[in-house]
Amino acid sequence: MIAKIGKGMNIFGAVSYNQLKVDKENGKVLLAHKIPEAVDGNFTVAQICRAFEPYLLANNKTEKPVRHISINPDPSDKVSDNRFIEMAEQYMKEMGYSSQPYIVYKHTDIERTHIHIVTTCVQLDGNKIPDSYDHHRSMAACRNLEKAFGLKPADEKTPQHEKPIFKPVEYSKGDIKSQMAAVIRYLPKYYSFPNLGTYNTLLSLFNITAERVSGEANGVTKKGLVYFALDTKGERTGIPFKSSLFGKHAGLDALEMHFEKSKVLMAKHPAKAILKNSIEAAMHMVKNEPEFKKQLLEQGVNVVVRRNTEGRIYGITFIDHESRSVWNGSQLAKNLSANVFNNWWNKSIKIDSGSPQSNKLPPPPVNNDEKDPFGFFTPGRNDSISEALGSLLPDSQGEDYEERDFENRMKKKKKYRRGQS
């Protein structure tokens, strides 16, 4: 079992994402804890959000009061609705959220049936539920659920103490070959990536890039790879290094074999569905590029964006460090495309029920020096990777007027409370 915790400030977006699944008959509400029952049995986004208002108003200083949690059993586990409810209640109790309002949704739009929980970390007294060790507590809660409900344990390929620590190359420190070798020799052992483009995206986190070369010797054409170090701007610096200097695993022949193995492994990888859900949920909870990257970084996922000289986004790749796999958006789903993110971040356009509308926000600044929890860099570079993606953002519920009404009502109540104090 794997749990992912998204943290944001947009309760309306988190609820809308889940209600959309219900409306499309790809999900249903399993449990509404401390949320008034719907008169006709059908919840609305506005009704659910109103249940969270007293909590969100109790502490308006918390930057990210919303929690959007997905709990994903192994696809081979057959879990009934009642068991899902029990699992959700136990998980929330172990995480310290048993007294909070929360709503549990079951999603059935993919083979891996799973649940989503929307709640808030702000209590009625205004205090925030501590979240400094959420990841470790969540992992412990998942192990307890696996034992209590007889579920298949999450796949742990490499024990934590055996996982290597990769560091970005720093050209100013010298001994570039040794710095590069510490990364290049071992990445294929720990990560899956299906082509040279995704391999280069992964290498870019460590200020390295690889380039195909070809030549002729004794009338025979030979192909290979050379590696370059990258500077702080993501540009090549120094001399190229032949792949043979880093061992056979760094060469083109060995890597092409690795690409084929990765394609087979990733086609059925359970992390694919979980990562897709995490990305789509984040798209509904945040409003710009830095927030989107930060939320996924908190879940162990690097987002690498590629732009051309005019600033247009032509590629986006997601590096999941938990499953140690590298995915282009088109591999995950048709609705995770470079074009969508370009419209969102560069043109301030989001897709609403199939019709592009401006969200009246200026394009956010691009942050290419963002560090992740693993000590990696997230540069928006790699101009040599030219795999453009396509398609559309997940449909929203088309209730923008309700969202605006909810936000306006919250602002008025906050002003009223400040006036009383």
Protein backbone atom coordinates (compact mmCIF):
# COMPACT_ATOMS: atom_id res chain seq x y z
CA MET A 1 0.00 0.00 0.00
CA ILE A 2 1.21 3.47 -0.86
CA ALA A 3 -0.17 6.77 0.46
CA LYS A 4 0.48 10.20 -1.04
CA ILE A 5 -0.24 13.43 0.82
CA GLY A 6 -0.88 16.61 -1.16
CA LYS A 7 -0.75 19.91 0.73
CA GLY A 8 -2.35 23.07 -0.60
CA MET A 9 -4.62 26.03 0.04
CA ASN A 10 -7.40 25.34 -2.46
CA ILE A 11 -10.11 23.25 -0.75
CA PHE A 12 -12.49 23.93 -3.63
CA GLY A 13 -10.07 22.47 -6.16
CA ALA A 14 -9.43 19.33 -4.10
CA VAL A 15 -13.16 18.65 -3.65
CA SER A 16 -13.95 19.49 -7.31
CA TYR A 17 -11.37 16.97 -8.53
CA ASN A 18 -13.05 14.18 -6.57
CA GLN A 19 -16.64 15.23 -7.26
CA LEU A 20 -15.83 15.18 -10.97
CA LYS A 21 -15.06 11.46 -10.64
CA VAL A 22 -18.42 10.96 -8.94
CA ASP A 23 -20.28 12.93 -11.62
CA LYS A 24 -18.66 10.83 -14.34
CA GLU A 25 -19.59 7.64 -12.46
CA ASN A 26 -15.92 6.82 -11.89
CA GLY A 27 -16.15 7.27 -8.14
CA LYS A 28 -18.43 7.62 -5.15
CA VAL A 29 -18.47 9.05 -1.64
CA LEU A 30 -17.78 6.32 0.92
CA LEU A 31 -17.72 8.39 4.10
CA ALA A 32 -18.46 11.98 5.12
CA HIS A 33 -16.99 12.47 8.60
CA LYS A 34 -18.26 15.55 10.44
CA ILE A 35 -19.84 16.77 7.20
CA PRO A 36 -23.65 17.21 7.12
CA GLU A 37 -25.47 14.60 5.06
CA ALA A 38 -26.91 15.74 1.73
CA VAL A 39 -30.69 16.00 1.75
CA ASP A 40 -31.08 14.05 -1.50
CA GLY A 41 -28.00 11.92 -0.90
CA ASN A 42 -25.96 13.78 -3.50
CA PHE A 43 -23.19 16.03 -2.24
CA THR A 44 -22.22 19.23 -4.02
CA VAL A 45 -18.82 20.90 -4.02
CA ALA A 46 -20.21 24.02 -2.32
CA GLN A 47 -21.92 22.02 0.43
CA ILE A 48 -18.76 20.08 1.27
CA CYS A 49 -16.60 23.20 1.27
CA ARG A 50 -18.99 24.95 3.66
CA ALA A 51 -18.31 22.20 6.22
CA PHE A 52 -14.63 23.21 6.21
CA GLU A 53 -15.23 26.97 6.54
CA PRO A 54 -15.12 27.20 10.39
CA TYR A 55 -11.79 25.35 10.42
CA LEU A 56 -10.19 27.35 7.62
CA LEU A 57 -11.32 30.60 9.24
CA ALA A 58 -9.95 29.60 12.65
CA ASN A 59 -6.39 30.04 11.40
CA ASN A 60 -5.79 32.07 8.25
CA LYS A 61 -2.02 32.17 8.79
CA THR A 62 -1.45 28.53 7.83
CA GLU A 63 -0.05 28.61 4.30
CA LYS A 64 -1.32 25.17 3.25
CA PRO A 65 -4.34 24.16 5.35
CA VAL A 66 -5.77 21.59 2.91
CA ARG A 67 -4.77 17.92 2.84
CA HIS A 68 -5.56 15.71 -0.16
CA ILE A 69 -4.52 12.13 0.57
CA SER A 70 -4.63 9.15 -1.77
CA ILE A 71 -4.40 5.62 -0.35
CA ASN A 72 -3.48 2.99 -2.93
CA PRO A 73 -3.61 -0.74 -2.15
CA ASP A 74 -1.83 -3.13 -4.49
CA PRO A 75 -3.95 -3.93 -7.60
CA SER A 76 -4.11 -7.57 -6.49
CA ASP A 77 -5.81 -6.60 -3.20
CA LYS A 78 -9.58 -6.84 -3.36
CA VAL A 79 -10.97 -4.34 -0.88
CA SER A 80 -14.70 -3.90 -0.22
CA ASP A 81 -16.26 -0.48 0.42
CA ASN A 82 -16.67 -1.27 4.13
CA ARG A 83 -13.01 -2.24 4.40
CA PHE A 84 -11.98 0.95 2.61
CA ILE A 85 -14.00 2.93 5.16
CA GLU A 86 -12.32 1.10 8.05
CA MET A 87 -8.91 1.64 6.48
CA ALA A 88 -9.58 5.36 6.02
CA GLU A 89 -10.73 5.74 9.64
CA GLN A 90 -7.68 3.92 10.99
CA TYR A 91 -5.30 5.89 8.77
CA MET A 92 -6.80 9.23 9.82
CA LYS A 93 -6.65 8.23 13.48
CA GLU A 94 -2.96 7.29 13.24
CA MET A 95 -2.20 10.55 11.41
CA GLY A 96 -3.98 12.60 14.12
CA TYR A 97 -6.99 13.64 12.00
CA SER A 98 -9.78 11.62 13.63
CA SER A 99 -11.43 14.76 15.06
CA GLN A 100 -11.27 16.67 11.78
CA PRO A 101 -13.96 16.86 9.09
CA TYR A 102 -12.99 14.71 6.13
CA ILE A 103 -14.61 13.09 3.14
CA VAL A 104 -13.56 9.77 1.63
CA TYR A 105 -13.96 9.08 -2.10
CA LYS A 106 -13.49 5.80 -3.91
CA HIS A 107 -12.04 6.09 -7.44
CA THR A 108 -12.67 3.38 -10.03
CA ASP A 109 -11.48 5.07 -13.23
CA ILE A 110 -8.30 3.00 -13.34
CA GLU A 111 -7.50 -0.67 -12.71
CA ARG A 112 -6.01 0.20 -9.35
CA THR A 113 -9.09 1.00 -7.20
CA HIS A 114 -8.10 3.45 -4.49
CA ILE A 115 -9.46 6.11 -2.16
CA HIS A 116 -8.92 9.84 -1.78
CA ILE A 117 -9.43 11.76 1.45
CA VAL A 118 -9.89 15.54 1.61
CA THR A 119 -9.45 17.24 4.99
CA THR A 120 -7.76 20.18 6.73
CA CYS A 121 -4.87 20.39 9.17
CA VAL A 122 -6.43 23.38 10.98
CA GLN A 123 -8.44 22.54 14.09
CA LEU A 124 -11.46 24.45 15.38
CA ASP A 125 -9.34 26.12 18.07
CA GLY A 126 -7.05 27.49 15.36
CA ASN A 127 -4.13 25.19 16.15
CA LYS A 128 -2.45 23.35 13.31
CA ILE A 129 -1.98 19.60 13.44
CA PRO A 130 1.82 19.07 13.33
CA ASP A 131 2.99 17.76 9.97
CA SER A 132 6.79 17.79 10.23
CA TYR A 133 7.06 14.00 10.04
CA ASP A 134 4.00 13.28 7.90
CA HIS A 135 5.90 11.12 5.41
CA HIS A 136 7.35 8.78 8.03
CA ARG A 137 4.11 8.62 9.99
CA SER A 138 2.19 7.88 6.80
CA MET A 139 4.57 5.05 5.89
CA ALA A 140 4.16 3.58 9.36
CA ALA A 141 0.37 3.88 9.11
CA CYS A 142 0.43 2.06 5.75
CA ARG A 143 2.49 -0.80 7.19
CA ASN A 144 0.00 -1.10 10.05
CA LEU A 145 -2.92 -1.16 7.60
CA GLU A 146 -1.22 -3.87 5.55
CA LYS A 147 -0.91 -6.06 8.65
CA ALA A 148 -4.39 -5.30 10.01
CA PHE A 149 -6.20 -5.93 6.72
CA GLY A 150 -3.98 -8.61 5.20
CA LEU A 151 -2.86 -6.44 2.28
CA LYS A 152 0.14 -6.92 0.05
CA PRO A 153 3.13 -4.88 1.31
CA ALA A 154 4.46 -2.05 -0.82
CA ASP A 155 7.35 -3.04 -3.06
CA GLU A 156 10.66 -1.95 -1.55
CA LYS A 157 13.34 -2.71 -4.11
CA THR A 158 16.22 -1.27 -2.12
CA PRO A 159 16.52 -1.02 1.69
CA GLN A 160 16.70 2.59 2.86
CA HIS A 161 20.22 2.21 4.23
CA GLU A 162 21.46 0.86 0.88
CA LYS A 163 20.06 3.70 -1.24
CA PRO A 164 22.88 5.79 -2.72
CA ILE A 165 23.22 9.50 -2.22
CA PHE A 166 23.69 11.20 -5.58
CA LYS A 167 25.09 14.72 -5.64
CA PRO A 168 24.98 17.26 -8.48
CA VAL A 169 28.28 17.96 -10.21
CA GLU A 170 29.89 21.23 -9.16
CA TYR A 171 32.31 22.32 -11.85
CA SER A 172 34.07 24.81 -9.56
CA LYS A 173 35.19 21.99 -7.24
CA GLY A 174 37.26 20.30 -9.93
CA ASP A 175 37.85 16.56 -10.44
CA ILE A 176 34.84 16.57 -12.77
CA LYS A 177 35.39 13.03 -13.98
CA SER A 178 35.12 11.56 -10.48
CA GLN A 179 32.06 13.66 -9.66
CA MET A 180 30.32 12.51 -12.85
CA ALA A 181 31.34 8.88 -12.34
CA ALA A 182 29.69 8.82 -8.90
CA VAL A 183 26.38 9.48 -10.67
CA ILE A 184 26.68 7.92 -14.13
CA ARG A 185 27.92 4.51 -13.03
CA TYR A 186 24.96 3.86 -10.76
CA LEU A 187 21.84 5.59 -12.13
CA PRO A 188 20.82 2.67 -14.41
CA LYS A 189 21.02 0.33 -11.42
CA TYR A 190 18.43 2.29 -9.45
CA TYR A 191 16.22 4.11 -11.98
CA SER A 192 13.99 3.09 -14.89
CA PHE A 193 13.93 5.38 -17.96
CA PRO A 194 12.68 4.35 -21.44
CA ASN A 195 14.83 6.45 -23.78
CA LEU A 196 17.77 8.81 -24.04
CA GLY A 197 15.52 11.82 -23.55
CA THR A 198 14.29 10.67 -20.13
CA TYR A 199 17.82 9.57 -19.22
CA ASN A 200 19.06 13.07 -20.00
CA THR A 201 16.24 14.56 -17.94
CA LEU A 202 17.35 12.48 -14.98
CA LEU A 203 21.01 13.37 -15.59
CA SER A 204 20.10 17.06 -15.68
CA LEU A 205 19.26 16.93 -11.97
CA PHE A 206 22.94 16.26 -11.39
CA ASN A 207 24.27 18.84 -13.88
CA ILE A 208 25.18 16.24 -16.51
CA THR A 209 24.05 15.58 -20.08
CA ALA A 210 24.75 12.81 -22.59
CA GLU A 211 25.04 13.18 -26.36
CA ARG A 212 25.10 10.63 -29.17
CA VAL A 213 28.22 10.64 -31.36
CA SER A 214 29.18 8.63 -34.41
CA GLY A 215 32.35 8.12 -36.37
CA GLU A 216 34.09 5.78 -38.79
CA ALA A 217 37.02 3.50 -38.05
CA ASN A 218 38.49 1.20 -40.70
CA GLY A 219 35.41 1.71 -42.83
CA VAL A 220 33.05 0.74 -40.01
CA THR A 221 30.59 3.27 -38.58
CA LYS A 222 30.60 3.33 -34.79
CA LYS A 223 28.12 4.98 -32.47
CA GLY A 224 28.49 5.94 -28.85
CA LEU A 225 27.89 8.50 -26.12
CA VAL A 226 29.87 11.33 -24.62
CA TYR A 227 29.04 13.08 -21.37
CA PHE A 228 29.31 16.78 -20.51
CA ALA A 229 29.10 18.62 -17.21
CA LEU A 230 26.56 21.46 -17.07
CA ASP A 231 27.00 24.84 -15.47
CA THR A 232 24.46 26.64 -13.28
CA LYS A 233 22.61 27.81 -16.41
CA GLY A 234 22.28 24.26 -17.73
CA GLU A 235 24.83 24.84 -20.48
CA ARG A 236 27.68 22.49 -21.37
CA THR A 237 31.00 23.34 -19.84
CA GLY A 238 34.46 21.79 -20.08
CA ILE A 239 35.56 18.88 -22.24
CA PRO A 240 33.41 15.86 -23.17
CA PHE A 241 34.09 12.48 -21.54
CA LYS A 242 33.76 9.19 -23.43
CA SER A 243 31.24 6.80 -21.92
CA SER A 244 33.93 4.09 -21.68
CA LEU A 245 35.57 6.11 -18.90
CA PHE A 246 32.57 5.38 -16.68
CA GLY A 247 32.20 1.66 -17.37
CA LYS A 248 30.11 -0.48 -19.70
CA HIS A 249 26.79 0.49 -18.06
CA ALA A 250 27.31 4.08 -19.23
CA GLY A 251 27.72 3.11 -22.88
CA LEU A 252 25.08 3.35 -25.60
CA ASP A 253 24.69 -0.42 -26.11
CA ALA A 254 24.08 -1.11 -22.42
CA LEU A 255 21.74 1.86 -22.09
CA GLU A 256 19.66 0.82 -25.11
CA MET A 257 19.15 -2.55 -23.41
CA HIS A 258 18.17 -0.69 -20.26
CA PHE A 259 15.67 1.42 -22.23
CA GLU A 260 13.91 -1.72 -23.52
CA LYS A 261 13.77 -3.32 -20.07
CA SER A 262 12.43 -0.08 -18.62
CA LYS A 263 9.65 0.08 -21.24
CA VAL A 264 8.45 -3.38 -20.25
CA LEU A 265 8.71 -2.68 -16.52
CA MET A 266 7.07 0.74 -16.65
CA ALA A 267 4.15 -0.42 -18.82
CA LYS A 268 2.79 -2.38 -15.85
CA HIS A 269 4.40 -0.42 -13.03
CA PRO A 270 1.94 0.24 -10.16
CA ALA A 271 3.56 3.64 -9.62
CA LYS A 272 2.19 4.87 -12.95
CA ALA A 273 -1.41 5.20 -11.76
CA ILE A 274 -0.39 6.67 -8.40
CA LEU A 275 1.84 9.30 -10.02
CA LYS A 276 -0.90 10.20 -12.54
CA ASN A 277 -3.40 10.73 -9.71
CA SER A 278 -0.93 12.81 -7.70
CA ILE A 279 -0.23 15.08 -10.68
CA GLU A 280 -3.90 15.57 -11.55
CA ALA A 281 -4.79 16.30 -7.92
CA ALA A 282 -1.99 18.86 -7.71
CA MET A 283 -3.26 20.56 -10.87
CA HIS A 284 -6.56 21.21 -9.09
CA MET A 285 -5.03 22.39 -5.81
CA VAL A 286 -2.44 24.93 -6.92
CA LYS A 287 -2.47 28.03 -9.11
CA ASN A 288 0.97 28.32 -10.67
CA GLU A 289 4.20 26.59 -11.62
CA PRO A 290 6.23 27.07 -8.40
CA GLU A 291 3.34 25.79 -6.25
CA PHE A 292 2.81 22.82 -8.57
CA LYS A 293 6.49 21.85 -8.45
CA LYS A 294 6.69 22.33 -4.71
CA GLN A 295 3.66 20.16 -3.97
CA LEU A 296 5.02 17.31 -6.06
CA LEU A 297 8.50 17.72 -4.58
CA GLU A 298 6.95 17.15 -1.16
CA GLN A 299 5.73 13.83 -2.55
CA GLY A 300 9.18 12.91 -3.88
CA VAL A 301 8.56 13.89 -7.51
CA ASN A 302 10.73 16.24 -9.56
CA VAL A 303 9.06 18.17 -12.39
CA VAL A 304 11.42 19.07 -15.23
CA VAL A 305 10.04 21.55 -17.77
CA ARG A 306 11.63 22.18 -21.16
CA ARG A 307 11.17 25.51 -22.91
CA ASN A 308 12.33 26.79 -26.28
CA THR A 309 14.07 30.13 -26.79
CA GLU A 310 10.69 31.91 -26.93
CA GLY A 311 9.73 30.44 -23.55
CA ARG A 312 7.13 28.00 -24.89
CA ILE A 313 6.88 24.72 -22.98
CA TYR A 314 7.44 21.83 -25.38
CA GLY A 315 8.14 19.02 -22.92
CA ILE A 316 7.46 18.02 -19.32
CA THR A 317 8.91 15.07 -17.43
CA PHE A 318 8.15 13.68 -13.97
CA ILE A 319 10.85 11.91 -11.96
CA ASP A 320 9.38 9.78 -9.19
CA HIS A 321 12.14 9.11 -6.67
CA GLU A 322 10.00 6.78 -4.58
CA SER A 323 9.50 4.29 -7.41
CA ARG A 324 12.74 5.46 -9.07
CA SER A 325 11.18 5.89 -12.50
CA VAL A 326 11.18 8.69 -15.09
CA TRP A 327 8.03 9.50 -17.09
CA ASN A 328 7.14 11.87 -19.90
CA GLY A 329 3.68 13.30 -19.45
CA SER A 330 2.32 11.42 -22.48
CA GLN A 331 3.35 8.11 -20.93
CA LEU A 332 1.20 8.76 -17.89
CA ALA A 333 -1.97 10.04 -19.55
CA LYS A 334 -3.18 11.94 -22.59
CA ASN A 335 -4.33 14.79 -20.37
CA LEU A 336 -0.85 15.56 -18.98
CA SER A 337 0.66 17.43 -21.89
CA ALA A 338 3.24 20.12 -22.44
CA ASN A 339 0.63 22.16 -24.29
CA VAL A 340 -1.68 22.21 -21.28
CA PHE A 341 1.06 23.39 -18.95
CA ASN A 342 2.17 25.96 -21.51
CA ASN A 343 -1.38 27.37 -21.66
CA TRP A 344 -1.64 27.33 -17.89
CA TRP A 345 1.71 28.82 -16.94
CA ASN A 346 2.59 30.95 -19.96
CA LYS A 347 -0.86 32.11 -21.07
CA SER A 348 -2.79 31.89 -17.77
CA ILE A 349 -5.37 29.64 -19.42
CA LYS A 350 -6.92 26.59 -17.84
CA ILE A 351 -9.38 24.21 -19.47
CA ASP A 352 -12.87 24.49 -18.01
CA SER A 353 -15.42 21.98 -19.33
CA GLY A 354 -13.64 21.95 -22.67
CA SER A 355 -13.57 25.74 -23.12
CA PRO A 356 -10.37 27.71 -22.46
CA GLN A 357 -10.93 30.65 -20.17
CA SER A 358 -8.50 33.11 -18.66
CA ASN A 359 -8.03 32.81 -14.94
CA LYS A 360 -6.96 36.49 -14.87
CA LEU A 361 -3.61 35.72 -13.28
CA PRO A 362 -0.30 36.90 -14.75
CA PRO A 363 2.13 34.15 -15.77
CA PRO A 364 4.12 33.06 -12.69
CA PRO A 365 7.89 33.48 -12.63
CA VAL A 366 9.87 30.41 -13.67
CA ASN A 367 11.86 28.89 -10.83
CA ASN A 368 14.70 26.81 -12.21
CA ASP A 369 16.80 26.56 -9.06
CA GLU A 370 14.29 24.78 -6.85
CA LYS A 371 15.78 22.02 -4.67
CA ASP A 372 13.90 18.90 -3.76
CA PRO A 373 13.83 16.93 -0.50
CA PHE A 374 16.52 14.59 -1.83
CA GLY A 375 19.08 17.34 -2.40
CA PHE A 376 18.60 17.26 -6.17
CA PHE A 377 18.17 20.30 -8.39
CA THR A 378 15.16 20.87 -10.62
CA PRO A 379 16.49 22.81 -13.61
CA GLY A 380 14.08 23.60 -16.44
CA ARG A 381 16.52 22.76 -19.18
CA ASN A 382 17.73 20.02 -21.59
CA ASP A 383 17.15 21.70 -24.93
CA SER A 384 18.35 18.53 -26.67
CA ILE A 385 15.19 16.70 -25.60
CA SER A 386 12.54 17.41 -28.20
CA GLU A 387 9.66 15.12 -27.27
CA ALA A 388 6.65 17.42 -27.33
CA LEU A 389 3.49 16.17 -25.65
CA GLY A 390 -0.20 16.89 -26.33
CA SER A 391 -3.83 16.90 -25.07
CA LEU A 392 -5.91 18.63 -22.40
CA LEU A 393 -6.14 19.36 -18.70
CA PRO A 394 -8.60 17.23 -16.72
CA ASP A 395 -12.11 18.72 -16.94
CA SER A 396 -13.14 20.80 -14.00
CA GLN A 397 -16.67 20.63 -12.69
CA GLY A 398 -17.66 23.89 -14.32
CA GLU A 399 -18.56 25.56 -11.00
CA ASP A 400 -16.21 28.53 -11.14
CA TYR A 401 -19.01 30.80 -9.93
CA GLU A 402 -19.33 28.66 -6.80
CA GLU A 403 -15.60 28.79 -6.22
CA ARG A 404 -15.58 32.57 -6.51
CA ASP A 405 -18.57 32.79 -4.17
CA PHE A 406 -16.83 30.53 -1.65
CA GLU A 407 -13.59 32.56 -1.77
CA ASN A 408 -15.47 35.87 -1.47
CA ARG A 409 -17.46 34.58 1.48
CA MET A 410 -14.30 33.41 3.22
CA LYS A 411 -12.63 36.82 2.68
CA LYS A 412 -15.62 38.67 4.10
CA LYS A 413 -15.70 36.47 7.19
CA LYS A 414 -11.97 36.95 7.76
CA LYS A 415 -12.33 40.73 7.53
CA TYR A 416 -15.30 40.62 9.92
CA ARG A 417 -13.33 38.60 12.46
CA ARG A 418 -10.33 40.92 12.24
CA GLY A 419 -12.67 43.87 12.84
CA GLN A 420 -13.99 42.23 16.03
CA SER A 421 -10.54 41.54 17.45
